Amino acid sequence: MAKPAFNKIYKETIDSILLKLPRVKPGKMFGYPAYYINGKLFACLFEDGVCVKVPESFAKKLIMDKKGVPFERMGRTCVNGFN
């Protein structure tokens, strides 16, 4: 099975910021780099973007303002980041 492709520059940048925070732990989601607090996923790299879990109302505003897109995986869409 091929390794998932993701933007390595995004990973280096996000790692340099998030991994300095004491409660943030690196991990994986669908084989992609991911970030957790207290065992709960809050952000990940996915294909050519960055996915961040935010409240649904904020996600809808980002989408409406064309500053974000819904997370889609295997034909399923989730407007607040993750199912």
Foldseek 3Di string as FASTA:
>chain_A
DDQADEDVVVVVVCCVPPVVDPQWDWDDDPNWIFIDGPNDTAWTTHRYGIFGADDLVVLVVCVVVVNDDFDDDPRDTDSRGDD
